[in-house]
Amino acid sequence: MEILLKDIPALQQRYDFQLNKYDIDILENYELLETMEQNVAEIGEDLPIIFVGDSAFYGPDEFHGKLNVL
């Protein structure tokens, strides 16, 4: 997962933010995901899912397409 190994660490050097990772195979975490998705306009299907404020980015293509990563 290039996003977690390369892109997120690069962004952490530029911006101050907290990263939380969850295993959605665990029911409690999956339920948290469903709750978080209630606050976004469009729900996607791809992984990983990255929430930034009231936006969600589903998968590497959307992440790279909508965020200026480096």
PDB file of N, CA and C in Angstrom:
ATOM      1  N   MET A   1       0.822  -1.185   0.000  1.00  0.00           N
ATOM      2  CA  MET A   1       0.000   0.000   0.000  1.00  0.00           C
ATOM      3  C   MET A   1       0.865   1.246   0.000  1.00  0.00           C
ATOM      4  N   GLU A   2       1.104   1.733  -1.160  1.00  0.00           N
ATOM      5  CA  GLU A   2       1.963   2.906  -1.327  1.00  0.00           C
ATOM      6  C   GLU A   2       1.435   4.114  -0.562  1.00  0.00           C
ATOM      7  N   ILE A   3       0.120   4.240  -0.471  1.00  0.00           N
ATOM      8  CA  ILE A   3      -0.455   5.386   0.246  1.00  0.00           C
ATOM      9  C   ILE A   3       0.022   5.402   1.689  1.00  0.00           C
ATOM     10  N   LEU A   4      -0.050   4.252   2.355  1.00  0.00           N
ATOM     11  CA  LEU A   4       0.318   4.200   3.771  1.00  0.00           C
ATOM     12  C   LEU A   4       1.823   4.227   3.985  1.00  0.00           C
ATOM     13  N   LEU A   5       2.573   3.683   3.052  1.00  0.00           N
ATOM     14  CA  LEU A   5       4.021   3.604   3.232  1.00  0.00           C
ATOM     15  C   LEU A   5       4.772   4.819   2.720  1.00  0.00           C
ATOM     16  N   LYS A   6       4.252   5.489   1.699  1.00  0.00           N
ATOM     17  CA  LYS A   6       4.976   6.598   1.082  1.00  0.00           C
ATOM     18  C   LYS A   6       4.221   7.925   1.166  1.00  0.00           C
ATOM     19  N   ASP A   7       2.985   7.945   0.698  1.00  0.00           N
ATOM     20  CA  ASP A   7       2.254   9.210   0.571  1.00  0.00           C
ATOM     21  C   ASP A   7       1.881   9.831   1.915  1.00  0.00           C
ATOM     22  N   ILE A   8       1.328   9.042   2.817  1.00  0.00           N
ATOM     23  CA  ILE A   8       0.928   9.581   4.126  1.00  0.00           C
ATOM     24  C   ILE A   8       2.147  10.092   4.898  1.00  0.00           C
ATOM     25  N   PRO A   9       3.250   9.333   4.993  1.00  0.00           N
ATOM     26  CA  PRO A   9       4.423   9.882   5.683  1.00  0.00           C
ATOM     27  C   PRO A   9       4.927  11.185   5.064  1.00  0.00           C
ATOM     28  N   ALA A  10       4.868  11.304   3.735  1.00  0.00           N
ATOM     29  CA  ALA A  10       5.298  12.549   3.084  1.00  0.00           C
ATOM     30  C   ALA A  10       4.380  13.697   3.472  1.00  0.00           C
ATOM     31  N   LEU A  11       3.084  13.434   3.530  1.00  0.00           N
ATOM     32  CA  LEU A  11       2.139  14.480   3.944  1.00  0.00           C
ATOM     33  C   LEU A  11       2.334  14.860   5.405  1.00  0.00           C
ATOM     34  N   GLN A  12       2.687  13.884   6.246  1.00  0.00           N
ATOM     35  CA  GLN A  12       2.907  14.172   7.663  1.00  0.00           C
ATOM     36  C   GLN A  12       4.113  15.082   7.866  1.00  0.00           C
ATOM     37  N   GLN A  13       5.053  15.070   6.951  1.00  0.00           N
ATOM     38  CA  GLN A  13       6.193  15.979   7.057  1.00  0.00           C
ATOM     39  C   GLN A  13       5.780  17.408   6.724  1.00  0.00           C
ATOM     40  N   ARG A  14       4.736  17.571   5.924  1.00  0.00           N
ATOM     41  CA  ARG A  14       4.290  18.903   5.498  1.00  0.00           C
ATOM     42  C   ARG A  14       3.159  19.462   6.355  1.00  0.00           C
ATOM     43  N   TYR A  15       2.323  18.581   6.907  1.00  0.00           N
ATOM     44  CA  TYR A  15       1.132  19.026   7.637  1.00  0.00           C
ATOM     45  C   TYR A  15       1.049  18.310   8.979  1.00  0.00           C
ATOM     46  N   ASP A  16       0.477  19.000   9.942  1.00  0.00           N
ATOM     47  CA  ASP A  16       0.283  18.423  11.270  1.00  0.00           C
ATOM     48  C   ASP A  16      -1.095  17.768  11.315  1.00  0.00           C
ATOM     49  N   PHE A  17      -1.126  16.443  11.352  1.00  0.00           N
ATOM     50  CA  PHE A  17      -2.403  15.739  11.466  1.00  0.00           C
ATOM     51  C   PHE A  17      -2.184  14.403  12.156  1.00  0.00           C
ATOM     52  N   GLN A  18      -3.282  13.877  12.648  1.00  0.00           N
ATOM     53  CA  GLN A  18      -3.258  12.591  13.329  1.00  0.00           C
ATOM     54  C   GLN A  18      -3.781  11.526  12.376  1.00  0.00           C
ATOM     55  N   LEU A  19      -3.095  10.411  12.286  1.00  0.00           N
ATOM     56  CA  LEU A  19      -3.505   9.291  11.447  1.00  0.00           C
ATOM     57  C   LEU A  19      -4.008   8.171  12.340  1.00  0.00           C
ATOM     58  N   ASN A  20      -5.211   7.706  12.079  1.00  0.00           N
ATOM     59  CA  ASN A  20      -5.771   6.554  12.776  1.00  0.00           C
ATOM     60  C   ASN A  20      -6.026   5.464  11.749  1.00  0.00           C
ATOM     61  N   LYS A  21      -5.558   4.253  12.028  1.00  0.00           N
ATOM     62  CA  LYS A  21      -5.782   3.116  11.132  1.00  0.00           C
ATOM     63  C   LYS A  21      -6.686   2.113  11.839  1.00  0.00           C
ATOM     64  N   TYR A  22      -7.622   1.559  11.079  1.00  0.00           N
ATOM     65  CA  TYR A  22      -8.576   0.606  11.637  1.00  0.00           C
ATOM     66  C   TYR A  22      -8.674  -0.622  10.741  1.00  0.00           C
ATOM     67  N   ASP A  23      -8.757  -1.784  11.349  1.00  0.00           N
ATOM     68  CA  ASP A  23      -8.985  -3.033  10.632  1.00  0.00           C
ATOM     69  C   ASP A  23     -10.497  -3.229  10.541  1.00  0.00           C
ATOM     70  N   ILE A  24     -11.054  -3.063   9.335  1.00  0.00           N
ATOM     71  CA  ILE A  24     -12.515  -3.137   9.201  1.00  0.00           C
ATOM     72  C   ILE A  24     -13.027  -4.574   9.174  1.00  0.00           C
ATOM     73  N   ASP A  25     -12.131  -5.555   9.327  1.00  0.00           N
ATOM     74  CA  ASP A  25     -12.578  -6.931   9.530  1.00  0.00           C
ATOM     75  C   ASP A  25     -13.093  -7.125  10.953  1.00  0.00           C
ATOM     76  N   ILE A  26     -12.774  -6.190  11.824  1.00  0.00           N
ATOM     77  CA  ILE A  26     -13.277  -6.210  13.201  1.00  0.00           C
ATOM     78  C   ILE A  26     -14.602  -5.458  13.208  1.00  0.00           C
ATOM     79  N   LEU A  27     -15.653  -6.098  13.679  1.00  0.00           N
ATOM     80  CA  LEU A  27     -17.006  -5.555  13.605  1.00  0.00           C
ATOM     81  C   LEU A  27     -17.111  -4.146  14.179  1.00  0.00           C
ATOM     82  N   GLU A  28     -16.526  -3.907  15.324  1.00  0.00           N
ATOM     83  CA  GLU A  28     -16.588  -2.582  15.952  1.00  0.00           C
ATOM     84  C   GLU A  28     -16.006  -1.503  15.027  1.00  0.00           C
ATOM     85  N   ASN A  29     -14.910  -1.819  14.355  1.00  0.00           N
ATOM     86  CA  ASN A  29     -14.292  -0.863  13.431  1.00  0.00           C
ATOM     87  C   ASN A  29     -15.136  -0.671  12.177  1.00  0.00           C
ATOM     88  N   TYR A  30     -15.756  -1.746  11.691  1.00  0.00           N
ATOM     89  CA  TYR A  30     -16.627  -1.635  10.521  1.00  0.00           C
ATOM     90  C   TYR A  30     -17.830  -0.748  10.839  1.00  0.00           C
ATOM     91  N   GLU A  31     -18.373  -0.902  12.036  1.00  0.00           N
ATOM     92  CA  GLU A  31     -19.497  -0.054  12.453  1.00  0.00           C
ATOM     93  C   GLU A  31     -19.061   1.408  12.552  1.00  0.00           C
ATOM     94  N   LEU A  32     -17.843   1.656  13.005  1.00  0.00           N
ATOM     95  CA  LEU A  32     -17.302   3.013  13.043  1.00  0.00           C
ATOM     96  C   LEU A  32     -17.204   3.576  11.626  1.00  0.00           C
ATOM     97  N   LEU A  33     -16.753   2.766  10.678  1.00  0.00           N
ATOM     98  CA  LEU A  33     -16.694   3.183   9.275  1.00  0.00           C
ATOM     99  C   LEU A  33     -18.077   3.587   8.776  1.00  0.00           C
ATOM    100  N   GLU A  34     -19.084   2.773   9.059  1.00  0.00           N
ATOM    101  CA  GLU A  34     -20.446   3.100   8.632  1.00  0.00           C
ATOM    102  C   GLU A  34     -20.906   4.424   9.225  1.00  0.00           C
ATOM    103  N   THR A  35     -20.572   4.675  10.469  1.00  0.00           N
ATOM    104  CA  THR A  35     -20.934   5.938  11.120  1.00  0.00           C
ATOM    105  C   THR A  35     -20.219   7.106  10.452  1.00  0.00           C
ATOM    106  N   MET A  36     -18.942   6.947  10.170  1.00  0.00           N
ATOM    107  CA  MET A  36     -18.180   8.020   9.532  1.00  0.00           C
ATOM    108  C   MET A  36     -18.698   8.297   8.120  1.00  0.00           C
ATOM    109  N   GLU A  37     -19.136   7.264   7.423  1.00  0.00           N
ATOM    110  CA  GLU A  37     -19.641   7.443   6.063  1.00  0.00           C
ATOM    111  C   GLU A  37     -20.967   8.202   6.027  1.00  0.00           C
ATOM    112  N   GLN A  38     -21.664   8.282   7.126  1.00  0.00           N
ATOM    113  CA  GLN A  38     -22.920   9.039   7.176  1.00  0.00           C
ATOM    114  C   GLN A  38     -22.672  10.532   6.974  1.00  0.00           C
ATOM    115  N   ASN A  39     -21.443  10.974   7.150  1.00  0.00           N
ATOM    116  CA  ASN A  39     -21.110  12.396   7.044  1.00  0.00           C
ATOM    117  C   ASN A  39     -20.487  12.786   5.708  1.00  0.00           C
ATOM    118  N   VAL A  40     -20.423  11.862   4.744  1.00  0.00           N
ATOM    119  CA  VAL A  40     -19.838  12.179   3.438  1.00  0.00           C
ATOM    120  C   VAL A  40     -20.906  12.095   2.356  1.00  0.00           C
ATOM    121  N   ALA A  41     -20.717  12.884   1.299  1.00  0.00           N
ATOM    122  CA  ALA A  41     -21.716  12.969   0.234  1.00  0.00           C
ATOM    123  C   ALA A  41     -21.764  11.699  -0.612  1.00  0.00           C
ATOM    124  N   GLU A  42     -20.611  11.191  -1.012  1.00  0.00           N
ATOM    125  CA  GLU A  42     -20.561  10.011  -1.877  1.00  0.00           C
ATOM    126  C   GLU A  42     -19.788   8.899  -1.189  1.00  0.00           C
ATOM    127  N   ILE A  43     -20.390   7.727  -1.132  1.00  0.00           N
ATOM    128  CA  ILE A  43     -19.750   6.569  -0.520  1.00  0.00           C
ATOM    129  C   ILE A  43     -19.170   5.706  -1.630  1.00  0.00           C
ATOM    130  N   GLY A  44     -17.899   5.346  -1.485  1.00  0.00           N
ATOM    131  CA  GLY A  44     -17.224   4.520  -2.480  1.00  0.00           C
ATOM    132  C   GLY A  44     -17.042   3.102  -1.988  1.00  0.00           C
ATOM    133  N   GLU A  45     -16.298   2.334  -2.758  1.00  0.00           N
ATOM    134  CA  GLU A  45     -16.103   0.918  -2.440  1.00  0.00           C
ATOM    135  C   GLU A  45     -14.636   0.532  -2.276  1.00  0.00           C
ATOM    136  N   ASP A  46     -13.713   1.327  -2.818  1.00  0.00           N
ATOM    137  CA  ASP A  46     -12.304   0.940  -2.866  1.00  0.00           C
ATOM    138  C   ASP A  46     -11.619   1.188  -1.523  1.00  0.00           C
ATOM    139  N   LEU A  47     -10.549   0.453  -1.280  1.00  0.00           N
ATOM    140  CA  LEU A  47      -9.737   0.611  -0.078  1.00  0.00           C
ATOM    141  C   LEU A  47      -8.344   1.067  -0.476  1.00  0.00           C
ATOM    142  N   PRO A  48      -7.638   1.755   0.378  1.00  0.00           N
ATOM    143  CA  PRO A  48      -8.039   2.223   1.700  1.00  0.00           C
ATOM    144  C   PRO A  48      -8.988   3.406   1.593  1.00  0.00           C
ATOM    145  N   ILE A  49      -9.687   3.662   2.676  1.00  0.00           N
ATOM    146  CA  ILE A  49     -10.581   4.815   2.770  1.00  0.00           C
ATOM    147  C   ILE A  49      -9.900   5.826   3.679  1.00  0.00           C
ATOM    148  N   ILE A  50      -9.766   7.035   3.187  1.00  0.00           N
ATOM    149  CA  ILE A  50      -9.096   8.087   3.949  1.00  0.00           C
ATOM    150  C   ILE A  50     -10.083   9.217   4.166  1.00  0.00           C
ATOM    151  N   PHE A  51     -10.349   9.527   5.433  1.00  0.00           N
ATOM    152  CA  PHE A  51     -11.251  10.619   5.790  1.00  0.00           C
ATOM    153  C   PHE A  51     -10.424  11.846   6.140  1.00  0.00           C
ATOM    154  N   VAL A  52     -10.795  12.966   5.548  1.00  0.00           N
ATOM    155  CA  VAL A  52     -10.171  14.254   5.846  1.00  0.00           C
ATOM    156  C   VAL A  52     -11.313  15.233   6.039  1.00  0.00           C
ATOM    157  N   GLY A  53     -11.537  15.636   7.288  1.00  0.00           N
ATOM    158  CA  GLY A  53     -12.672  16.518   7.562  1.00  0.00           C
ATOM    159  C   GLY A  53     -13.968  15.833   7.181  1.00  0.00           C
ATOM    160  N   ASP A  54     -14.773  16.501   6.340  1.00  0.00           N
ATOM    161  CA  ASP A  54     -16.040  15.904   5.917  1.00  0.00           C
ATOM    162  C   ASP A  54     -15.938  15.269   4.528  1.00  0.00           C
ATOM    163  N   SER A  55     -14.723  14.962   4.105  1.00  0.00           N
ATOM    164  CA  SER A  55     -14.492  14.309   2.814  1.00  0.00           C
ATOM    165  C   SER A  55     -13.932  12.907   3.035  1.00  0.00           C
ATOM    166  N   ALA A  56     -14.195  12.031   2.071  1.00  0.00           N
ATOM    167  CA  ALA A  56     -13.636  10.684   2.103  1.00  0.00           C
ATOM    168  C   ALA A  56     -13.044  10.373   0.741  1.00  0.00           C
ATOM    169  N   PHE A  57     -11.903   9.716   0.739  1.00  0.00           N
ATOM    170  CA  PHE A  57     -11.220   9.327  -0.489  1.00  0.00           C
ATOM    171  C   PHE A  57     -11.136   7.805  -0.501  1.00  0.00           C
ATOM    172  N   TYR A  58     -11.717   7.201  -1.520  1.00  0.00           N
ATOM    173  CA  TYR A  58     -11.801   5.748  -1.606  1.00  0.00           C
ATOM    174  C   TYR A  58     -10.784   5.222  -2.611  1.00  0.00           C
ATOM    175  N   GLY A  59      -9.752   4.583  -2.108  1.00  0.00           N
ATOM    176  CA  GLY A  59      -8.756   3.967  -2.965  1.00  0.00           C
ATOM    177  C   GLY A  59      -7.674   4.919  -3.425  1.00  0.00           C
ATOM    178  N   PRO A  60      -6.587   4.352  -3.931  1.00  0.00           N
ATOM    179  CA  PRO A  60      -5.438   5.169  -4.321  1.00  0.00           C
ATOM    180  C   PRO A  60      -5.724   6.124  -5.473  1.00  0.00           C
ATOM    181  N   ASP A  61      -6.534   5.722  -6.437  1.00  0.00           N
ATOM    182  CA  ASP A  61      -6.794   6.605  -7.581  1.00  0.00           C
ATOM    183  C   ASP A  61      -7.509   7.875  -7.154  1.00  0.00           C
ATOM    184  N   GLU A  62      -8.527   7.733  -6.316  1.00  0.00           N
ATOM    185  CA  GLU A  62      -9.255   8.923  -5.853  1.00  0.00           C
ATOM    186  C   GLU A  62      -8.378   9.771  -4.945  1.00  0.00           C
ATOM    187  N   PHE A  63      -7.610   9.133  -4.092  1.00  0.00           N
ATOM    188  CA  PHE A  63      -6.703   9.848  -3.194  1.00  0.00           C
ATOM    189  C   PHE A  63      -5.729  10.701  -3.999  1.00  0.00           C
ATOM    190  N   HIS A  64      -5.070  10.093  -4.974  1.00  0.00           N
ATOM    191  CA  HIS A  64      -4.099  10.829  -5.783  1.00  0.00           C
ATOM    192  C   HIS A  64      -4.776  11.853  -6.683  1.00  0.00           C
ATOM    193  N   GLY A  65      -5.980  11.562  -7.126  1.00  0.00           N
ATOM    194  CA  GLY A  65      -6.678  12.477  -8.019  1.00  0.00           C
ATOM    195  C   GLY A  65      -7.195  13.729  -7.342  1.00  0.00           C
ATOM    196  N   LYS A  66      -7.523  13.635  -6.051  1.00  0.00           N
ATOM    197  CA  LYS A  66      -8.149  14.770  -5.370  1.00  0.00           C
ATOM    198  C   LYS A  66      -7.238  15.491  -4.393  1.00  0.00           C
ATOM    199  N   LEU A  67      -6.172  14.856  -3.971  1.00  0.00           N
ATOM    200  CA  LEU A  67      -5.228  15.507  -3.056  1.00  0.00           C
ATOM    201  C   LEU A  67      -3.923  15.765  -3.780  1.00  0.00           C
ATOM    202  N   ASN A  68      -3.298  16.855  -3.434  1.00  0.00           N
ATOM    203  CA  ASN A  68      -1.989  17.157  -4.004  1.00  0.00           C
ATOM    204  C   ASN A  68      -0.942  16.460  -3.153  1.00  0.00           C
ATOM    205  N   VAL A  69      -0.607  15.245  -3.530  1.00  0.00           N
ATOM    206  CA  VAL A  69       0.365  14.459  -2.778  1.00  0.00           C
ATOM    207  C   VAL A  69       1.745  14.740  -3.348  1.00  0.00           C
ATOM    208  N   LEU A  70       2.481  15.579  -2.640  1.00  0.00           N
ATOM    209  CA  LEU A  70       3.827  15.993  -3.037  1.00  0.00           C
ATOM    210  C   LEU A  70       3.744  16.731  -4.284  1.00  0.00           C
TER     211      LEU A  70
END
